[in-house]
């Protein structure tokens, strides 16, 4: 479960829903894997406690440095109940022995030196205006019949169009105009579901480029 700025929608579970999930975990004695990679990418509002805070013995909390340090290092971590910790270590060893020692050393130095606390505000200062630029561009360029999420952080927006829209077909027309998105159908388990939806990412381009791209996307969707 991704509770904060979820991929692909950008949505976040409220504190009430987090507490309700924790109560169910405790009632039925089950484990939850809480995947929280986007937690630090918050541009507005107050941070919410993870589900693990409410049910520490029933949650395996996992996250990563790939969104806030260096994607290429592929460094992740987990905080697990003691009962399953040993089995997670054994499973990790069976899959790939261990993560690159050099990558781990780089991550350890980065964290120990306090560089994450220095770098994170710089990342947020870049991403937040880009998100606002995309939200404004969608409002400015898209016709009626479209709606989209407006998350307080993360990397993604989720757009839903009219039922007649086929975003997979629109994707290929958009690519011809050098604009890309992910058709929403690929995030659904059932075939032919979500054909009128798409995921947008705002983190890779500057604000003027985002505005031009959304204007082009609007033309593609109208055609």
N, C-alpha and C. Protein backbone atom coordinates (compact mmCIF):
# COMPACT_ATOMS: atom_id res chain seq x y z
N UNK A 1 0.84 -1.18 0.00
CA UNK A 1 0.00 0.00 0.00
C UNK A 1 0.89 1.25 0.00
N UNK A 2 0.62 2.16 -0.93
CA UNK A 2 1.34 3.44 -0.99
C UNK A 2 0.41 4.51 -0.44
N UNK A 3 0.61 4.96 0.80
CA UNK A 3 -0.37 5.84 1.44
C UNK A 3 -0.22 7.33 1.12
N UNK A 4 0.96 7.72 0.61
CA UNK A 4 1.25 9.14 0.46
C UNK A 4 1.66 9.47 -0.97
N UNK A 5 0.89 10.35 -1.64
CA UNK A 5 1.18 10.78 -3.01
C UNK A 5 1.38 9.57 -3.92
N UNK A 6 0.42 8.69 -3.87
CA UNK A 6 0.47 7.38 -4.52
C UNK A 6 0.72 7.48 -6.02
N UNK A 7 1.45 6.53 -6.53
CA UNK A 7 1.67 6.36 -7.96
C UNK A 7 0.65 5.34 -8.47
N UNK A 8 -0.26 5.73 -9.39
CA UNK A 8 -0.15 6.85 -10.32
C UNK A 8 -1.00 8.08 -10.00
N UNK A 9 -1.86 8.04 -9.00
CA UNK A 9 -2.87 9.10 -8.87
C UNK A 9 -2.39 10.33 -8.10
N UNK A 10 -1.35 10.18 -7.27
CA UNK A 10 -0.92 11.27 -6.41
C UNK A 10 -1.73 11.42 -5.14
N UNK A 11 -2.69 10.53 -4.94
CA UNK A 11 -3.59 10.67 -3.78
C UNK A 11 -2.90 10.25 -2.48
N UNK A 12 -3.43 10.76 -1.37
CA UNK A 12 -2.90 10.49 -0.04
C UNK A 12 -4.02 10.03 0.88
N UNK A 13 -3.78 8.97 1.65
CA UNK A 13 -4.76 8.51 2.62
C UNK A 13 -4.82 9.47 3.80
N UNK A 14 -6.02 9.80 4.24
CA UNK A 14 -6.19 10.66 5.40
C UNK A 14 -5.71 9.94 6.67
N UNK A 15 -5.50 10.70 7.72
CA UNK A 15 -5.06 10.09 8.97
C UNK A 15 -6.14 9.15 9.52
N UNK A 16 -7.41 9.46 9.27
CA UNK A 16 -8.49 8.58 9.73
C UNK A 16 -8.43 7.23 9.03
N UNK A 17 -8.17 7.23 7.74
CA UNK A 17 -8.08 5.97 7.00
C UNK A 17 -6.84 5.19 7.42
N UNK A 18 -5.76 5.87 7.70
CA UNK A 18 -4.55 5.20 8.18
C UNK A 18 -4.82 4.50 9.51
N UNK A 19 -5.50 5.20 10.39
CA UNK A 19 -5.83 4.61 11.69
C UNK A 19 -6.78 3.43 11.54
N UNK A 20 -7.73 3.55 10.62
CA UNK A 20 -8.68 2.46 10.39
C UNK A 20 -7.97 1.23 9.84
N UNK A 21 -7.03 1.43 8.92
CA UNK A 21 -6.26 0.31 8.37
C UNK A 21 -5.43 -0.34 9.47
N UNK A 22 -4.80 0.47 10.30
CA UNK A 22 -4.00 -0.07 11.41
C UNK A 22 -4.87 -0.90 12.35
N UNK A 23 -6.08 -0.43 12.61
CA UNK A 23 -6.99 -1.18 13.49
C UNK A 23 -7.35 -2.53 12.89
N UNK A 24 -7.56 -2.57 11.58
CA UNK A 24 -7.87 -3.84 10.92
C UNK A 24 -6.68 -4.80 10.97
N UNK A 25 -5.48 -4.28 10.77
CA UNK A 25 -4.29 -5.11 10.85
C UNK A 25 -4.18 -5.77 12.22
N UNK A 26 -4.42 -4.99 13.26
CA UNK A 26 -4.32 -5.50 14.62
C UNK A 26 -5.46 -6.46 14.94
N UNK A 27 -6.65 -6.17 14.43
CA UNK A 27 -7.80 -7.02 14.71
C UNK A 27 -7.63 -8.41 14.10
N UNK A 28 -7.11 -8.46 12.87
CA UNK A 28 -7.01 -9.74 12.16
C UNK A 28 -5.61 -10.34 12.19
N UNK A 29 -4.66 -9.65 12.80
CA UNK A 29 -3.33 -10.20 12.95
C UNK A 29 -2.59 -10.42 11.65
N UNK A 30 -2.69 -9.46 10.73
CA UNK A 30 -2.03 -9.60 9.44
C UNK A 30 -0.96 -8.52 9.27
N UNK A 31 -0.08 -8.76 8.29
CA UNK A 31 0.99 -7.81 7.99
C UNK A 31 0.64 -6.97 6.77
N UNK A 32 1.11 -5.75 6.77
CA UNK A 32 0.97 -4.85 5.63
C UNK A 32 2.34 -4.36 5.22
N UNK A 33 2.59 -4.33 3.92
CA UNK A 33 3.79 -3.68 3.39
C UNK A 33 3.41 -2.25 3.03
N UNK A 34 3.96 -1.30 3.76
CA UNK A 34 3.68 0.12 3.52
C UNK A 34 4.84 0.71 2.72
N UNK A 35 4.57 1.04 1.47
CA UNK A 35 5.59 1.57 0.57
C UNK A 35 5.45 3.09 0.53
N UNK A 36 6.47 3.80 0.99
CA UNK A 36 6.32 5.25 1.21
C UNK A 36 7.44 6.06 0.54
N UNK A 37 7.64 5.90 -0.78
CA UNK A 37 8.78 6.55 -1.43
C UNK A 37 8.62 8.04 -1.66
N UNK A 38 7.38 8.54 -1.65
CA UNK A 38 7.14 9.95 -2.00
C UNK A 38 6.88 10.84 -0.79
N UNK A 39 6.99 10.29 0.39
CA UNK A 39 6.62 10.99 1.62
C UNK A 39 7.32 12.35 1.76
N UNK A 40 8.60 12.42 1.44
CA UNK A 40 9.36 13.65 1.65
C UNK A 40 9.06 14.72 0.59
N UNK A 41 8.39 14.34 -0.49
CA UNK A 41 8.12 15.29 -1.56
C UNK A 41 6.79 16.00 -1.31
N UNK A 42 6.70 16.69 -0.20
CA UNK A 42 5.48 17.40 0.17
C UNK A 42 5.69 18.90 -0.04
N UNK A 43 4.77 19.51 -0.80
CA UNK A 43 4.88 20.93 -1.13
C UNK A 43 3.93 21.80 -0.31
N UNK A 44 2.86 21.19 0.20
CA UNK A 44 1.87 21.93 0.99
C UNK A 44 1.33 21.02 2.08
N UNK A 45 0.82 21.62 3.15
CA UNK A 45 0.17 20.86 4.19
C UNK A 45 1.14 20.20 5.16
N UNK A 46 0.56 19.54 6.14
CA UNK A 46 1.34 18.89 7.19
C UNK A 46 1.57 17.42 6.86
N UNK A 47 2.77 16.93 7.18
CA UNK A 47 3.09 15.52 6.97
C UNK A 47 2.21 14.65 7.88
N UNK A 48 1.79 13.51 7.35
CA UNK A 48 0.96 12.57 8.11
C UNK A 48 1.82 11.42 8.60
N UNK A 49 1.54 10.89 9.79
CA UNK A 49 2.31 9.74 10.28
C UNK A 49 2.05 8.52 9.42
N UNK A 50 3.05 7.68 9.22
CA UNK A 50 2.83 6.45 8.46
C UNK A 50 1.90 5.50 9.21
N UNK A 51 1.34 4.55 8.48
CA UNK A 51 0.47 3.55 9.11
C UNK A 51 1.25 2.78 10.17
N UNK A 52 2.54 2.58 9.94
CA UNK A 52 3.37 1.85 10.90
C UNK A 52 3.35 2.51 12.27
N UNK A 53 3.17 3.80 12.32
CA UNK A 53 3.11 4.52 13.60
C UNK A 53 1.96 3.99 14.47
N UNK A 54 0.87 3.58 13.83
CA UNK A 54 -0.31 3.14 14.57
C UNK A 54 -0.34 1.63 14.81
N UNK A 55 0.44 0.87 14.04
CA UNK A 55 0.46 -0.60 14.20
C UNK A 55 1.87 -1.10 13.91
N UNK A 56 2.84 -0.76 14.76
CA UNK A 56 4.24 -1.05 14.45
C UNK A 56 4.57 -2.52 14.26
N UNK A 57 3.85 -3.42 14.93
CA UNK A 57 4.15 -4.85 14.83
C UNK A 57 3.42 -5.52 13.67
N UNK A 58 2.66 -4.74 12.91
CA UNK A 58 1.89 -5.31 11.81
C UNK A 58 2.22 -4.67 10.46
N UNK A 59 3.28 -3.87 10.42
CA UNK A 59 3.62 -3.17 9.18
C UNK A 59 5.11 -3.33 8.89
N UNK A 60 5.40 -3.73 7.64
CA UNK A 60 6.76 -3.67 7.11
C UNK A 60 6.84 -2.37 6.31
N UNK A 61 7.57 -1.41 6.84
CA UNK A 61 7.66 -0.09 6.22
C UNK A 61 8.86 -0.06 5.29
N UNK A 62 8.62 0.28 4.02
CA UNK A 62 9.71 0.33 3.05
C UNK A 62 9.73 1.70 2.38
N UNK A 63 10.92 2.15 2.04
CA UNK A 63 11.07 3.41 1.33
C UNK A 63 12.39 3.38 0.56
N UNK A 64 12.79 4.52 0.03
CA UNK A 64 13.92 4.57 -0.88
C UNK A 64 14.58 5.94 -0.85
N UNK A 65 15.81 5.99 -1.31
CA UNK A 65 16.49 7.26 -1.52
C UNK A 65 16.47 7.68 -2.98
N UNK A 66 15.85 6.88 -3.83
CA UNK A 66 15.90 7.16 -5.27
C UNK A 66 15.14 8.42 -5.66
N UNK A 67 14.20 8.87 -4.82
CA UNK A 67 13.44 10.08 -5.14
C UNK A 67 14.07 11.34 -4.54
N UNK A 68 15.00 11.17 -3.61
CA UNK A 68 15.56 12.33 -2.91
C UNK A 68 17.09 12.38 -2.93
N UNK A 69 17.74 11.37 -3.49
CA UNK A 69 19.20 11.36 -3.55
C UNK A 69 19.65 11.15 -4.98
N UNK A 70 19.67 9.89 -5.43
CA UNK A 70 20.13 9.57 -6.78
C UNK A 70 19.39 8.33 -7.27
N UNK A 71 18.54 8.47 -8.28
CA UNK A 71 17.77 7.31 -8.77
C UNK A 71 18.64 6.14 -9.18
N UNK A 72 19.80 6.41 -9.75
CA UNK A 72 20.65 5.33 -10.25
C UNK A 72 21.25 4.45 -9.18
N UNK A 73 21.29 4.92 -7.94
CA UNK A 73 21.88 4.10 -6.87
C UNK A 73 20.96 2.96 -6.45
N UNK A 74 19.66 3.10 -6.65
CA UNK A 74 18.69 2.05 -6.30
C UNK A 74 18.86 1.59 -4.86
N UNK A 75 18.86 2.53 -3.96
CA UNK A 75 19.00 2.23 -2.54
C UNK A 75 17.64 2.33 -1.85
N UNK A 76 17.24 1.25 -1.20
CA UNK A 76 16.01 1.24 -0.43
C UNK A 76 16.27 0.75 0.98
N UNK A 77 15.25 0.80 1.81
CA UNK A 77 15.39 0.31 3.18
C UNK A 77 14.03 -0.13 3.69
N UNK A 78 14.04 -0.93 4.74
CA UNK A 78 12.78 -1.34 5.35
C UNK A 78 12.92 -1.33 6.87
N UNK A 79 11.79 -1.10 7.53
CA UNK A 79 11.71 -1.18 8.99
C UNK A 79 10.64 -2.23 9.27
N UNK A 80 11.08 -3.38 9.79
CA UNK A 80 10.18 -4.53 9.89
C UNK A 80 10.07 -5.02 11.33
N UNK A 81 8.94 -5.64 11.66
CA UNK A 81 8.82 -6.29 12.97
C UNK A 81 9.90 -7.35 13.14
N UNK A 82 10.34 -7.54 14.35
CA UNK A 82 11.42 -8.49 14.62
C UNK A 82 11.08 -9.89 14.13
N UNK A 83 9.81 -10.25 14.16
CA UNK A 83 9.40 -11.61 13.79
C UNK A 83 9.69 -11.93 12.33
N UNK A 84 9.70 -10.93 11.46
CA UNK A 84 9.92 -11.19 10.03
C UNK A 84 11.26 -10.66 9.54
N UNK A 85 11.98 -9.94 10.38
CA UNK A 85 13.22 -9.31 9.93
C UNK A 85 14.21 -10.33 9.39
N UNK A 86 14.40 -11.43 10.12
CA UNK A 86 15.38 -12.44 9.70
C UNK A 86 15.02 -13.01 8.34
N UNK A 87 13.73 -13.25 8.11
CA UNK A 87 13.31 -13.84 6.84
C UNK A 87 13.47 -12.86 5.69
N UNK A 88 13.32 -11.59 5.96
CA UNK A 88 13.56 -10.59 4.92
C UNK A 88 15.04 -10.57 4.53
N UNK A 89 15.93 -10.69 5.51
CA UNK A 89 17.36 -10.73 5.23
C UNK A 89 17.70 -11.95 4.38
N UNK A 90 17.16 -13.11 4.76
CA UNK A 90 17.43 -14.34 4.01
C UNK A 90 16.91 -14.23 2.58
N UNK A 91 15.72 -13.68 2.43
CA UNK A 91 15.14 -13.51 1.09
C UNK A 91 15.99 -12.58 0.24
N UNK A 92 16.44 -11.47 0.83
CA UNK A 92 17.30 -10.53 0.11
C UNK A 92 18.58 -11.22 -0.34
N UNK A 93 19.18 -12.00 0.52
CA UNK A 93 20.41 -12.70 0.17
C UNK A 93 20.17 -13.70 -0.96
N UNK A 94 18.99 -14.33 -0.95
CA UNK A 94 18.67 -15.29 -1.99
C UNK A 94 18.42 -14.65 -3.34
N UNK A 95 17.94 -13.42 -3.32
CA UNK A 95 17.62 -12.73 -4.58
C UNK A 95 18.87 -12.19 -5.25
N UNK A 96 19.69 -11.41 -4.52
CA UNK A 96 20.87 -10.80 -5.16
C UNK A 96 22.06 -10.68 -4.21
N UNK A 97 22.10 -11.47 -3.16
CA UNK A 97 23.13 -11.47 -2.13
C UNK A 97 23.08 -10.20 -1.29
N UNK A 98 23.34 -9.05 -1.93
CA UNK A 98 23.19 -7.78 -1.21
C UNK A 98 23.27 -6.64 -2.22
N UNK A 99 22.78 -5.49 -1.82
CA UNK A 99 22.89 -4.29 -2.64
C UNK A 99 24.36 -3.87 -2.71
N UNK A 100 24.73 -3.26 -3.82
CA UNK A 100 26.10 -2.80 -4.04
C UNK A 100 26.69 -2.14 -2.79
N UNK A 101 27.84 -2.64 -2.35
CA UNK A 101 28.49 -2.08 -1.16
C UNK A 101 28.87 -0.63 -1.38
N UNK A 102 29.33 -0.31 -2.58
CA UNK A 102 29.69 1.08 -2.89
C UNK A 102 28.47 1.99 -2.79
N UNK A 103 27.35 1.55 -3.35
CA UNK A 103 26.13 2.35 -3.27
C UNK A 103 25.68 2.55 -1.83
N UNK A 104 25.79 1.49 -1.03
CA UNK A 104 25.42 1.61 0.38
C UNK A 104 26.34 2.60 1.11
N UNK A 105 27.63 2.56 0.80
CA UNK A 105 28.58 3.46 1.44
C UNK A 105 28.30 4.91 1.06
N UNK A 106 27.97 5.14 -0.21
CA UNK A 106 27.63 6.49 -0.65
C UNK A 106 26.38 7.00 0.07
N UNK A 107 25.38 6.13 0.18
CA UNK A 107 24.15 6.52 0.86
C UNK A 107 24.40 6.79 2.34
N UNK A 108 25.21 5.96 2.97
CA UNK A 108 25.52 6.14 4.39
C UNK A 108 26.23 7.48 4.63
N UNK A 109 27.18 7.81 3.77
CA UNK A 109 27.90 9.08 3.90
C UNK A 109 26.96 10.26 3.68
N UNK A 110 26.07 10.13 2.71
CA UNK A 110 25.10 11.18 2.40
C UNK A 110 24.20 11.46 3.59
N UNK A 111 23.72 10.39 4.22
CA UNK A 111 22.81 10.55 5.36
C UNK A 111 23.56 11.03 6.60
N UNK A 112 24.71 10.42 6.87
CA UNK A 112 25.47 10.77 8.08
C UNK A 112 25.94 12.22 8.03
N UNK A 113 26.20 12.73 6.84
CA UNK A 113 26.69 14.10 6.70
C UNK A 113 25.60 15.14 6.74
N UNK A 114 24.35 14.71 6.86
CA UNK A 114 23.24 15.65 6.90
C UNK A 114 22.91 16.28 5.55
N UNK A 115 23.39 15.65 4.47
CA UNK A 115 23.18 16.24 3.14
C UNK A 115 21.74 16.13 2.67
N UNK A 116 21.02 15.12 3.14
CA UNK A 116 19.62 15.00 2.74
C UNK A 116 18.82 16.21 3.22
N UNK A 117 19.06 16.62 4.45
CA UNK A 117 18.35 17.78 5.00
C UNK A 117 18.70 19.06 4.23
N UNK A 118 19.91 19.12 3.69
CA UNK A 118 20.32 20.28 2.91
C UNK A 118 19.73 20.24 1.50
N UNK A 119 19.66 19.05 0.93
CA UNK A 119 19.25 18.90 -0.46
C UNK A 119 17.74 18.93 -0.65
N UNK A 120 17.01 18.38 0.31
CA UNK A 120 15.56 18.24 0.14
C UNK A 120 14.86 19.57 -0.12
N UNK A 121 15.15 20.65 0.62
CA UNK A 121 14.49 21.92 0.31
C UNK A 121 14.77 22.40 -1.12
N UNK A 122 15.94 22.10 -1.65
CA UNK A 122 16.27 22.48 -3.02
C UNK A 122 15.42 21.69 -4.02
N UNK A 123 15.22 20.41 -3.73
CA UNK A 123 14.38 19.57 -4.59
C UNK A 123 12.95 20.08 -4.58
N UNK A 124 12.43 20.37 -3.39
CA UNK A 124 11.06 20.86 -3.28
C UNK A 124 10.90 22.20 -3.98
N UNK A 125 11.92 23.03 -3.92
CA UNK A 125 11.85 24.35 -4.56
C UNK A 125 11.81 24.24 -6.08
N UNK A 126 12.27 23.12 -6.62
CA UNK A 126 12.20 22.88 -8.07
C UNK A 126 10.88 22.23 -8.44
N UNK A 127 10.49 21.21 -7.68
CA UNK A 127 9.30 20.43 -8.05
C UNK A 127 7.99 21.17 -7.82
N UNK A 128 7.89 21.91 -6.72
CA UNK A 128 6.62 22.57 -6.39
C UNK A 128 6.15 23.53 -7.48
N UNK A 129 7.00 24.43 -7.99
CA UNK A 129 6.55 25.30 -9.07
C UNK A 129 6.18 24.54 -10.34
N UNK A 130 6.85 23.43 -10.58
CA UNK A 130 6.52 22.64 -11.76
C UNK A 130 5.15 22.00 -11.62
N UNK A 131 4.84 21.54 -10.41
CA UNK A 131 3.50 20.99 -10.21
C UNK A 131 2.44 22.07 -10.42
N UNK A 132 2.68 23.24 -9.84
CA UNK A 132 1.72 24.33 -10.00
C UNK A 132 1.59 24.75 -11.45
N UNK A 133 2.70 24.72 -12.18
CA UNK A 133 2.66 25.07 -13.60
C UNK A 133 1.80 24.08 -14.38
N UNK A 134 1.91 22.80 -14.05
CA UNK A 134 1.10 21.81 -14.76
C UNK A 134 -0.37 21.94 -14.40
N UNK A 135 -0.66 22.14 -13.12
CA UNK A 135 -2.05 22.32 -12.72
C UNK A 135 -2.67 23.54 -13.40
N UNK A 136 -1.92 24.62 -13.45
CA UNK A 136 -2.42 25.83 -14.10
C UNK A 136 -2.60 25.62 -15.60
N UNK A 137 -1.66 24.90 -16.21
CA UNK A 137 -1.75 24.64 -17.65
C UNK A 137 -2.93 23.75 -17.99
N UNK A 138 -3.19 22.75 -17.16
CA UNK A 138 -4.35 21.90 -17.38
C UNK A 138 -5.64 22.71 -17.30
N UNK A 139 -5.70 23.58 -16.32
CA UNK A 139 -6.89 24.42 -16.15
C UNK A 139 -7.05 25.39 -17.33
N UNK A 140 -5.94 25.82 -17.87
CA UNK A 140 -5.96 26.81 -18.94
C UNK A 140 -6.26 26.18 -20.31
N UNK A 141 -5.73 24.99 -20.56
CA UNK A 141 -5.76 24.44 -21.91
C UNK A 141 -6.79 23.33 -22.14
N UNK A 142 -7.10 22.55 -21.12
CA UNK A 142 -7.99 21.41 -21.36
C UNK A 142 -9.45 21.84 -21.43
N UNK A 143 -10.22 21.23 -22.31
CA UNK A 143 -11.64 21.58 -22.44
C UNK A 143 -12.46 20.97 -21.30
N UNK A 144 -13.72 21.30 -21.26
CA UNK A 144 -14.62 20.69 -20.28
C UNK A 144 -14.70 19.19 -20.52
N UNK A 145 -15.01 18.46 -19.46
CA UNK A 145 -15.09 17.01 -19.58
C UNK A 145 -13.88 16.29 -19.03
N UNK A 146 -12.85 17.06 -18.63
CA UNK A 146 -11.65 16.47 -18.04
C UNK A 146 -11.54 16.90 -16.58
N UNK A 147 -11.02 15.99 -15.76
CA UNK A 147 -10.75 16.31 -14.36
C UNK A 147 -9.44 15.66 -13.95
N UNK A 148 -8.80 16.20 -12.92
CA UNK A 148 -7.50 15.69 -12.53
C UNK A 148 -7.30 15.91 -11.03
N UNK A 149 -6.38 15.12 -10.48
CA UNK A 149 -6.06 15.23 -9.06
C UNK A 149 -5.21 16.48 -8.82
N UNK A 150 -5.26 16.97 -7.59
CA UNK A 150 -4.47 18.14 -7.19
C UNK A 150 -3.77 17.82 -5.86
N UNK A 151 -2.81 16.91 -5.90
CA UNK A 151 -2.15 16.46 -4.67
C UNK A 151 -1.27 17.55 -4.05
N UNK A 152 -0.95 17.36 -2.78
CA UNK A 152 -0.10 18.29 -2.05
C UNK A 152 1.38 17.97 -2.19
N UNK A 153 1.72 17.01 -3.03
CA UNK A 153 3.12 16.65 -3.22
C UNK A 153 3.26 15.52 -4.21
N UNK A 154 4.42 14.86 -4.16
CA UNK A 154 4.65 13.73 -5.04
C UNK A 154 5.20 14.13 -6.39
N UNK A 155 4.99 13.25 -7.39
CA UNK A 155 5.54 13.46 -8.72
C UNK A 155 4.50 13.37 -9.83
N UNK A 156 3.26 12.99 -9.49
CA UNK A 156 2.30 12.64 -10.51
C UNK A 156 0.96 13.34 -10.35
N UNK A 157 0.28 13.51 -11.48
CA UNK A 157 -1.12 13.90 -11.52
C UNK A 157 -1.87 12.82 -12.29
N UNK A 158 -3.13 12.63 -11.94
CA UNK A 158 -3.98 11.62 -12.58
C UNK A 158 -5.11 12.34 -13.29
N UNK A 159 -5.20 12.12 -14.58
CA UNK A 159 -6.18 12.83 -15.40
C UNK A 159 -7.22 11.85 -15.93
N UNK A 160 -8.47 12.25 -15.87
CA UNK A 160 -9.58 11.42 -16.37
C UNK A 160 -10.38 12.24 -17.37
N UNK A 161 -10.61 11.64 -18.55
CA UNK A 161 -11.35 12.32 -19.60
C UNK A 161 -12.71 11.69 -19.83
N UNK A 162 -13.39 12.11 -20.88
CA UNK A 162 -14.70 11.54 -21.20
C UNK A 162 -14.60 10.03 -21.44
N UNK A 163 -15.71 9.33 -21.24
CA UNK A 163 -15.73 7.88 -21.40
C UNK A 163 -15.33 7.45 -22.81
N UNK A 164 -15.54 8.32 -23.78
CA UNK A 164 -15.22 7.98 -25.17
C UNK A 164 -13.73 8.10 -25.48
N UNK A 165 -12.95 8.67 -24.57
CA UNK A 165 -11.53 8.89 -24.82
C UNK A 165 -10.75 7.58 -24.70
N UNK A 166 -9.84 7.34 -25.64
CA UNK A 166 -8.92 6.21 -25.58
C UNK A 166 -7.51 6.78 -25.47
N UNK A 167 -6.95 6.80 -24.28
CA UNK A 167 -5.66 7.45 -24.07
C UNK A 167 -4.50 6.67 -24.68
N UNK A 168 -4.68 5.36 -24.92
CA UNK A 168 -3.61 4.61 -25.57
C UNK A 168 -3.45 5.09 -27.01
N UNK A 169 -4.55 5.30 -27.70
CA UNK A 169 -4.48 5.83 -29.06
C UNK A 169 -3.96 7.26 -29.05
N UNK A 170 -4.41 8.04 -28.07
CA UNK A 170 -3.94 9.43 -27.96
C UNK A 170 -2.45 9.49 -27.67
N UNK A 171 -1.94 8.49 -26.96
CA UNK A 171 -0.51 8.45 -26.64
C UNK A 171 0.34 8.50 -27.89
N UNK A 172 0.00 7.69 -28.88
CA UNK A 172 0.83 7.63 -30.09
C UNK A 172 0.76 8.94 -30.87
N UNK A 173 -0.38 9.59 -30.85
CA UNK A 173 -0.47 10.90 -31.50
C UNK A 173 0.35 11.94 -30.74
N UNK A 174 0.34 11.84 -29.41
CA UNK A 174 1.12 12.78 -28.59
C UNK A 174 2.62 12.58 -28.79
N UNK A 175 3.05 11.33 -28.89
CA UNK A 175 4.47 11.03 -29.08
C UNK A 175 4.98 11.67 -30.37
N UNK A 176 4.15 11.69 -31.38
CA UNK A 176 4.54 12.34 -32.64
C UNK A 176 4.80 13.83 -32.45
N UNK A 177 4.21 14.40 -31.39
CA UNK A 177 4.41 15.82 -31.07
C UNK A 177 5.41 16.01 -29.91
N UNK A 178 6.15 14.93 -29.60
CA UNK A 178 7.18 14.96 -28.54
C UNK A 178 6.59 15.23 -27.16
N UNK A 179 5.40 14.73 -26.93
CA UNK A 179 4.77 14.80 -25.61
C UNK A 179 4.44 13.38 -25.17
N UNK A 180 4.78 13.06 -23.92
CA UNK A 180 4.57 11.69 -23.43
C UNK A 180 3.77 11.69 -22.13
N UNK A 181 3.02 10.63 -21.94
CA UNK A 181 2.32 10.35 -20.69
C UNK A 181 2.15 8.84 -20.62
N UNK A 182 1.62 8.34 -19.53
CA UNK A 182 1.36 6.91 -19.41
C UNK A 182 -0.14 6.68 -19.47
N UNK A 183 -0.63 5.95 -20.47
CA UNK A 183 -2.06 5.63 -20.51
C UNK A 183 -2.49 4.91 -19.23
N UNK A 184 -3.61 5.34 -18.67
CA UNK A 184 -4.03 4.81 -17.38
C UNK A 184 -4.38 3.34 -17.36
N UNK A 185 -4.76 2.77 -18.51
CA UNK A 185 -5.18 1.37 -18.54
C UNK A 185 -4.10 0.44 -18.01
N UNK A 186 -2.85 0.83 -18.12
CA UNK A 186 -1.76 -0.05 -17.69
C UNK A 186 -1.61 -0.12 -16.18
N UNK A 187 -2.36 0.69 -15.46
CA UNK A 187 -2.33 0.63 -14.00
C UNK A 187 -3.49 -0.18 -13.43
N UNK A 188 -4.32 -0.75 -14.29
CA UNK A 188 -5.48 -1.51 -13.84
C UNK A 188 -5.26 -3.00 -14.08
N UNK A 189 -5.78 -3.82 -13.19
CA UNK A 189 -5.65 -5.27 -13.32
C UNK A 189 -6.60 -5.83 -14.38
N UNK A 190 -7.76 -5.22 -14.52
CA UNK A 190 -8.75 -5.72 -15.46
C UNK A 190 -8.58 -5.06 -16.83
N UNK A 191 -8.68 -5.88 -17.87
CA UNK A 191 -8.54 -5.37 -19.23
C UNK A 191 -9.65 -4.38 -19.55
N UNK A 192 -9.32 -3.41 -20.38
CA UNK A 192 -10.28 -2.41 -20.87
C UNK A 192 -10.83 -1.51 -19.76
N UNK A 193 -10.13 -1.46 -18.64
CA UNK A 193 -10.51 -0.55 -17.56
C UNK A 193 -9.57 0.66 -17.56
N UNK A 194 -10.13 1.84 -17.33
CA UNK A 194 -9.30 3.03 -17.26
C UNK A 194 -8.79 3.53 -18.59
N UNK A 195 -9.47 3.20 -19.67
CA UNK A 195 -9.00 3.60 -20.99
C UNK A 195 -9.05 5.12 -21.19
N UNK A 196 -9.85 5.81 -20.39
CA UNK A 196 -9.98 7.26 -20.52
C UNK A 196 -9.13 8.03 -19.50
N UNK A 197 -8.15 7.36 -18.91
CA UNK A 197 -7.32 7.98 -17.88
C UNK A 197 -5.86 8.00 -18.30
N UNK A 198 -5.08 8.84 -17.62
CA UNK A 198 -3.64 8.89 -17.88
C UNK A 198 -2.90 9.41 -16.66
N UNK A 199 -1.62 9.06 -16.58
CA UNK A 199 -0.74 9.60 -15.54
C UNK A 199 0.20 10.62 -16.16
N UNK A 200 0.32 11.76 -15.50
CA UNK A 200 1.23 12.82 -15.93
C UNK A 200 2.32 13.01 -14.88
N UNK A 201 3.54 13.27 -15.35
CA UNK A 201 4.67 13.54 -14.46
C UNK A 201 5.17 14.95 -14.74
N UNK A 202 5.34 15.74 -13.69
CA UNK A 202 5.73 17.14 -13.86
C UNK A 202 7.16 17.44 -13.43
N UNK A 203 7.93 16.43 -13.01
CA UNK A 203 9.22 16.69 -12.37
C UNK A 203 10.38 16.90 -13.34
N UNK A 204 10.22 16.49 -14.59
CA UNK A 204 11.37 16.44 -15.49
C UNK A 204 11.55 17.68 -16.37
N UNK A 205 10.56 18.57 -16.42
CA UNK A 205 10.62 19.71 -17.33
C UNK A 205 10.40 21.02 -16.59
N UNK A 206 10.93 22.11 -17.15
CA UNK A 206 10.72 23.41 -16.52
C UNK A 206 9.31 23.93 -16.84
N UNK A 207 8.95 25.03 -16.21
CA UNK A 207 7.58 25.52 -16.30
C UNK A 207 7.15 25.91 -17.71
N UNK A 208 7.96 26.65 -18.49
CA UNK A 208 7.53 26.96 -19.86
C UNK A 208 7.33 25.72 -20.72
N UNK A 209 8.21 24.73 -20.55
CA UNK A 209 8.07 23.49 -21.31
C UNK A 209 6.79 22.77 -20.93
N UNK A 210 6.48 22.76 -19.65
CA UNK A 210 5.25 22.11 -19.18
C UNK A 210 4.03 22.77 -19.81
N UNK A 211 4.01 24.09 -19.86
CA UNK A 211 2.86 24.78 -20.44
C UNK A 211 2.71 24.44 -21.92
N UNK A 212 3.80 24.43 -22.65
CA UNK A 212 3.73 24.08 -24.08
C UNK A 212 3.28 22.63 -24.26
N UNK A 213 3.79 21.75 -23.41
CA UNK A 213 3.44 20.34 -23.53
C UNK A 213 1.96 20.11 -23.26
N UNK A 214 1.43 20.76 -22.24
CA UNK A 214 0.01 20.59 -21.93
C UNK A 214 -0.86 21.19 -23.04
N UNK A 215 -0.43 22.31 -23.61
CA UNK A 215 -1.16 22.89 -24.73
C UNK A 215 -1.19 21.92 -25.91
N UNK A 216 -0.06 21.29 -26.18
CA UNK A 216 0.00 20.29 -27.25
C UNK A 216 -0.87 19.09 -26.92
N UNK A 217 -0.81 18.63 -25.67
CA UNK A 217 -1.63 17.50 -25.25
C UNK A 217 -3.11 17.82 -25.43
N UNK A 218 -3.50 19.03 -25.09
CA UNK A 218 -4.91 19.42 -25.24
C UNK A 218 -5.34 19.35 -26.70
N UNK A 219 -4.46 19.76 -27.61
CA UNK A 219 -4.77 19.67 -29.03
C UNK A 219 -4.92 18.22 -29.47
N UNK A 220 -4.03 17.36 -28.96
CA UNK A 220 -4.10 15.94 -29.30
C UNK A 220 -5.41 15.33 -28.80
N UNK A 221 -5.78 15.65 -27.57
CA UNK A 221 -6.99 15.07 -26.99
C UNK A 221 -8.24 15.60 -27.67
N UNK A 222 -8.16 16.81 -28.20
CA UNK A 222 -9.31 17.38 -28.90
C UNK A 222 -9.47 16.79 -30.30
N UNK A 223 -8.36 16.25 -30.83
CA UNK A 223 -8.40 15.71 -32.19
C UNK A 223 -8.71 14.28 -32.23
